[in-house]
Amino acid sequence: MANFRVSRSTSVAADPALVHRLVNDFHEWPAWSPWEGVDPELQRTYSGAEAGVGAHYAWSGNRKAGQGSMEITGSTPERVDVALTVLKPFRSTSVVTFELAATGAGTEVTWVMTGEQKGLAAVLGRVVSMDRLVGKDFERGLAQLKATAEA
């Protein structure tokens, strides 16, 4: 088994409360998530709390989009924690954290994903790291979050 950590950051010229709202509510994710355009027919299900702790989002799509779910497990003005479960294309669980730090110019956002690669994913992880697999997606997502918040 192999542990992994992927992390990317950006500065957003917007109030931390606005950035928090965009991350803390799964209904807002289509505006900035880097995976939204992967499958135009993506099926989404929202359940649980409307936003914040207990909010649940599930998706099912084509081979690129895969299938899985997310649940917000922690939420403070400085941080949003998400439990991520991917069922397809391969099974995995990860912890996703968005750290929000107020700056003089707005908000510093850090998107972190940690987990453990098991089975076939661990073997593949020796060839292609999780950072290489999703790092560019995080960068694109943060750029889109920035653009959405600053609009």
C-alpha atoms as a PDB file:
ATOM      1  CA  MET A   1       0.000   0.000   0.000  1.00  0.00           C
ATOM      2  CA  ALA A   2       1.140   3.527  -0.753  1.00  0.00           C
ATOM      3  CA  ASN A   3       0.082   6.735   0.964  1.00  0.00           C
ATOM      4  CA  PHE A   4      -0.362   9.800  -1.195  1.00  0.00           C
ATOM      5  CA  ARG A   5      -0.867  13.521  -0.754  1.00  0.00           C
ATOM      6  CA  VAL A   6      -1.790  15.964  -3.499  1.00  0.00           C
ATOM      7  CA  SER A   7      -1.850  19.685  -2.715  1.00  0.00           C
ATOM      8  CA  ARG A   8      -2.309  22.865  -4.731  1.00  0.00           C
ATOM      9  CA  SER A   9      -2.893  26.486  -3.680  1.00  0.00           C
ATOM     10  CA  THR A  10      -4.000  29.760  -5.189  1.00  0.00           C
ATOM     11  CA  SER A  11      -4.785  33.299  -4.108  1.00  0.00           C
ATOM     12  CA  VAL A  12      -8.332  34.516  -4.699  1.00  0.00           C
ATOM     13  CA  ALA A  13      -9.226  38.206  -4.635  1.00  0.00           C
ATOM     14  CA  ALA A  14     -12.515  37.567  -2.832  1.00  0.00           C
ATOM     15  CA  ASP A  15     -13.808  37.482   0.711  1.00  0.00           C
ATOM     16  CA  PRO A  16     -13.154  34.173   2.531  1.00  0.00           C
ATOM     17  CA  ALA A  17     -16.898  33.853   3.291  1.00  0.00           C
ATOM     18  CA  LEU A  18     -17.698  33.824  -0.441  1.00  0.00           C
ATOM     19  CA  VAL A  19     -14.990  31.268  -1.214  1.00  0.00           C
ATOM     20  CA  HIS A  20     -16.211  29.149   1.708  1.00  0.00           C
ATOM     21  CA  ARG A  21     -19.776  29.216   0.350  1.00  0.00           C
ATOM     22  CA  LEU A  22     -18.583  28.025  -3.086  1.00  0.00           C
ATOM     23  CA  VAL A  23     -16.739  25.061  -1.537  1.00  0.00           C
ATOM     24  CA  ASN A  24     -19.152  24.265   1.308  1.00  0.00           C
ATOM     25  CA  ASP A  25     -22.202  23.769  -0.950  1.00  0.00           C
ATOM     26  CA  PHE A  26     -22.075  20.954  -3.529  1.00  0.00           C
ATOM     27  CA  HIS A  27     -24.755  22.777  -5.550  1.00  0.00           C
ATOM     28  CA  GLU A  28     -22.064  25.433  -6.253  1.00  0.00           C
ATOM     29  CA  TRP A  29     -19.456  22.948  -7.509  1.00  0.00           C
ATOM     30  CA  PRO A  30     -20.701  22.804 -11.144  1.00  0.00           C
ATOM     31  CA  ALA A  31     -19.515  26.429 -11.482  1.00  0.00           C
ATOM     32  CA  TRP A  32     -15.886  25.564 -10.714  1.00  0.00           C
ATOM     33  CA  SER A  33     -15.200  21.811 -10.430  1.00  0.00           C
ATOM     34  CA  PRO A  34     -12.573  20.676 -12.948  1.00  0.00           C
ATOM     35  CA  TRP A  35     -14.519  17.492 -13.692  1.00  0.00           C
ATOM     36  CA  GLU A  36     -17.833  19.092 -14.661  1.00  0.00           C
ATOM     37  CA  GLY A  37     -17.166  19.101 -18.406  1.00  0.00           C
ATOM     38  CA  VAL A  38     -16.007  15.489 -18.591  1.00  0.00           C
ATOM     39  CA  ASP A  39     -19.508  14.091 -19.176  1.00  0.00           C
ATOM     40  CA  PRO A  40     -22.327  16.368 -20.372  1.00  0.00           C
ATOM     41  CA  GLU A  41     -24.850  13.719 -19.288  1.00  0.00           C
ATOM     42  CA  LEU A  42     -23.439  13.289 -15.780  1.00  0.00           C
ATOM     43  CA  GLN A  43     -26.096  12.151 -13.297  1.00  0.00           C
ATOM     44  CA  ARG A  44     -25.990  14.016  -9.968  1.00  0.00           C
ATOM     45  CA  THR A  45     -27.780  13.327  -6.700  1.00  0.00           C
ATOM     46  CA  TYR A  46     -27.796  15.696  -3.728  1.00  0.00           C
ATOM     47  CA  SER A  47     -28.969  14.526  -0.311  1.00  0.00           C
ATOM     48  CA  GLY A  48     -28.517  15.208   3.375  1.00  0.00           C
ATOM     49  CA  ALA A  49     -27.937  18.763   4.524  1.00  0.00           C
ATOM     50  CA  GLU A  50     -28.348  21.544   1.954  1.00  0.00           C
ATOM     51  CA  ALA A  51     -24.728  22.635   2.598  1.00  0.00           C
ATOM     52  CA  GLY A  52     -22.017  22.076   5.189  1.00  0.00           C
ATOM     53  CA  VAL A  53     -21.638  19.055   7.443  1.00  0.00           C
ATOM     54  CA  GLY A  54     -23.891  16.232   6.288  1.00  0.00           C
ATOM     55  CA  ALA A  55     -24.272  17.476   2.705  1.00  0.00           C
ATOM     56  CA  HIS A  56     -23.907  14.549   0.310  1.00  0.00           C
ATOM     57  CA  TYR A  57     -23.284  14.489  -3.435  1.00  0.00           C
ATOM     58  CA  ALA A  58     -23.167  11.416  -5.666  1.00  0.00           C
ATOM     59  CA  TRP A  59     -22.372  11.201  -9.356  1.00  0.00           C
ATOM     60  CA  SER A  60     -22.430   8.614 -12.107  1.00  0.00           C
ATOM     61  CA  GLY A  61     -21.159   9.171 -15.606  1.00  0.00           C
ATOM     62  CA  ASN A  62     -19.170   7.917 -18.540  1.00  0.00           C
ATOM     63  CA  ARG A  63     -15.795   6.193 -18.243  1.00  0.00           C
ATOM     64  CA  LYS A  64     -13.979   9.491 -17.730  1.00  0.00           C
ATOM     65  CA  ALA A  65     -16.376  10.759 -15.051  1.00  0.00           C
ATOM     66  CA  GLY A  66     -16.718   7.443 -13.253  1.00  0.00           C
ATOM     67  CA  GLN A  67     -18.935   6.992 -10.238  1.00  0.00           C
ATOM     68  CA  GLY A  68     -18.653   7.986  -6.606  1.00  0.00           C
ATOM     69  CA  SER A  69     -19.800  10.212  -3.792  1.00  0.00           C
ATOM     70  CA  MET A  70     -18.662  12.961  -1.454  1.00  0.00           C
ATOM     71  CA  GLU A  71     -19.845  14.029   1.976  1.00  0.00           C
ATOM     72  CA  ILE A  72     -18.876  17.145   3.895  1.00  0.00           C
ATOM     73  CA  THR A  73     -17.618  15.907   7.259  1.00  0.00           C
ATOM     74  CA  GLY A  74     -16.287  19.153   8.713  1.00  0.00           C
ATOM     75  CA  SER A  75     -16.857  22.828   8.097  1.00  0.00           C
ATOM     76  CA  THR A  76     -15.445  25.935   9.746  1.00  0.00           C
ATOM     77  CA  PRO A  77     -14.834  29.356   8.189  1.00  0.00           C
ATOM     78  CA  GLU A  78     -11.187  28.312   7.650  1.00  0.00           C
ATOM     79  CA  ARG A  79     -11.679  24.751   6.433  1.00  0.00           C
ATOM     80  CA  VAL A  80     -14.004  22.318   4.667  1.00  0.00           C
ATOM     81  CA  ASP A  81     -13.387  18.556   5.007  1.00  0.00           C
ATOM     82  CA  VAL A  82     -14.834  16.100   2.493  1.00  0.00           C
ATOM     83  CA  ALA A  83     -14.909  12.290   2.534  1.00  0.00           C
ATOM     84  CA  LEU A  84     -14.471  11.151  -1.080  1.00  0.00           C
ATOM     85  CA  THR A  85     -15.422   7.652  -2.246  1.00  0.00           C
ATOM     86  CA  VAL A  86     -14.761   6.666  -5.852  1.00  0.00           C
ATOM     87  CA  LEU A  87     -16.411   3.464  -7.091  1.00  0.00           C
ATOM     88  CA  LYS A  88     -15.424   3.627 -10.768  1.00  0.00           C
ATOM     89  CA  PRO A  89     -13.086   3.509 -12.606  1.00  0.00           C
ATOM     90  CA  PHE A  90     -11.385   2.062  -9.503  1.00  0.00           C
ATOM     91  CA  ARG A  91     -12.401   1.911  -5.857  1.00  0.00           C
ATOM     92  CA  SER A  92     -10.742   4.378  -3.534  1.00  0.00           C
ATOM     93  CA  THR A  93     -11.413   6.520  -0.510  1.00  0.00           C
ATOM     94  CA  SER A  94      -9.688   9.793   0.214  1.00  0.00           C
ATOM     95  CA  VAL A  95      -9.893  12.750   2.536  1.00  0.00           C
ATOM     96  CA  VAL A  96     -10.189  16.094   0.775  1.00  0.00           C
ATOM     97  CA  THR A  97      -9.563  19.358   2.600  1.00  0.00           C
ATOM     98  CA  PHE A  98     -10.001  22.936   1.490  1.00  0.00           C
ATOM     99  CA  GLU A  99      -8.044  25.308   3.723  1.00  0.00           C
ATOM    100  CA  LEU A 100      -9.072  28.973   3.528  1.00  0.00           C
ATOM    101  CA  ALA A 101      -6.819  31.673   4.948  1.00  0.00           C
ATOM    102  CA  ALA A 102      -7.775  35.341   4.910  1.00  0.00           C
ATOM    103  CA  THR A 103      -5.124  37.584   3.370  1.00  0.00           C
ATOM    104  CA  GLY A 104      -4.977  41.317   2.836  1.00  0.00           C
ATOM    105  CA  ALA A 105      -5.969  40.745  -0.792  1.00  0.00           C
ATOM    106  CA  GLY A 106      -8.642  38.088  -0.221  1.00  0.00           C
ATOM    107  CA  THR A 107      -8.260  34.376   0.408  1.00  0.00           C
ATOM    108  CA  GLU A 108      -5.454  31.840   0.091  1.00  0.00           C
ATOM    109  CA  VAL A 109      -7.068  28.509  -0.860  1.00  0.00           C
ATOM    110  CA  THR A 110      -5.246  25.197  -0.471  1.00  0.00           C
ATOM    111  CA  TRP A 111      -6.855  22.035  -1.874  1.00  0.00           C
ATOM    112  CA  VAL A 112      -5.416  18.850  -0.360  1.00  0.00           C
ATOM    113  CA  MET A 113      -6.276  15.201  -0.984  1.00  0.00           C
ATOM    114  CA  THR A 114      -4.768  12.382   1.063  1.00  0.00           C
ATOM    115  CA  GLY A 115      -5.332   8.664   0.992  1.00  0.00           C
ATOM    116  CA  GLU A 116      -3.890   5.259   0.550  1.00  0.00           C
ATOM    117  CA  GLN A 117      -3.599   3.381  -2.710  1.00  0.00           C
ATOM    118  CA  LYS A 118      -4.477  -0.288  -2.352  1.00  0.00           C
ATOM    119  CA  GLY A 119      -4.386  -3.288  -4.663  1.00  0.00           C
ATOM    120  CA  LEU A 120      -4.093  -2.485  -8.356  1.00  0.00           C
ATOM    121  CA  ALA A 121      -4.123   1.251  -7.641  1.00  0.00           C
ATOM    122  CA  ALA A 122      -1.003   0.820  -5.488  1.00  0.00           C
ATOM    123  CA  VAL A 123       0.758  -0.981  -8.334  1.00  0.00           C
ATOM    124  CA  LEU A 124      -0.273   1.695 -10.839  1.00  0.00           C
ATOM    125  CA  GLY A 125       0.775   4.374  -8.333  1.00  0.00           C
ATOM    126  CA  ARG A 126       4.358   3.199  -8.670  1.00  0.00           C
ATOM    127  CA  VAL A 127       4.225   4.106 -12.352  1.00  0.00           C
ATOM    128  CA  VAL A 128       1.990   7.197 -12.258  1.00  0.00           C
ATOM    129  CA  SER A 129       1.683   9.146  -9.014  1.00  0.00           C
ATOM    130  CA  MET A 130      -1.632  10.531  -7.760  1.00  0.00           C
ATOM    131  CA  ASP A 131      -0.050  13.976  -7.985  1.00  0.00           C
ATOM    132  CA  ARG A 132       0.500  13.434 -11.685  1.00  0.00           C
ATOM    133  CA  LEU A 133      -3.013  12.006 -12.123  1.00  0.00           C
ATOM    134  CA  VAL A 134      -4.993  14.774 -10.394  1.00  0.00           C
ATOM    135  CA  GLY A 135      -2.574  17.657  -9.794  1.00  0.00           C
ATOM    136  CA  LYS A 136      -3.467  19.393 -13.076  1.00  0.00           C
ATOM    137  CA  ASP A 137      -7.186  18.914 -12.274  1.00  0.00           C
ATOM    138  CA  PHE A 138      -6.673  20.648  -8.923  1.00  0.00           C
ATOM    139  CA  GLU A 139      -4.876  23.515 -10.684  1.00  0.00           C
ATOM    140  CA  ARG A 140      -7.703  23.871 -13.208  1.00  0.00           C
ATOM    141  CA  GLY A 141     -10.339  23.655 -10.461  1.00  0.00           C
ATOM    142  CA  LEU A 142      -8.621  26.310  -8.368  1.00  0.00           C
ATOM    143  CA  ALA A 143      -8.348  28.583 -11.420  1.00  0.00           C
ATOM    144  CA  GLN A 144     -12.079  28.119 -12.064  1.00  0.00           C
ATOM    145  CA  LEU A 145     -12.891  28.665  -8.360  1.00  0.00           C
ATOM    146  CA  LYS A 146     -10.841  31.875  -8.492  1.00  0.00           C
ATOM    147  CA  ALA A 147     -12.637  33.063 -11.636  1.00  0.00           C
ATOM    148  CA  THR A 148     -16.056  32.252 -10.148  1.00  0.00           C
ATOM    149  CA  ALA A 149     -15.310  33.994  -6.834  1.00  0.00           C
ATOM    150  CA  GLU A 150     -13.796  37.058  -8.488  1.00  0.00           C
ATOM    151  CA  ALA A 151     -16.609  37.515 -11.051  1.00  0.00           C
END
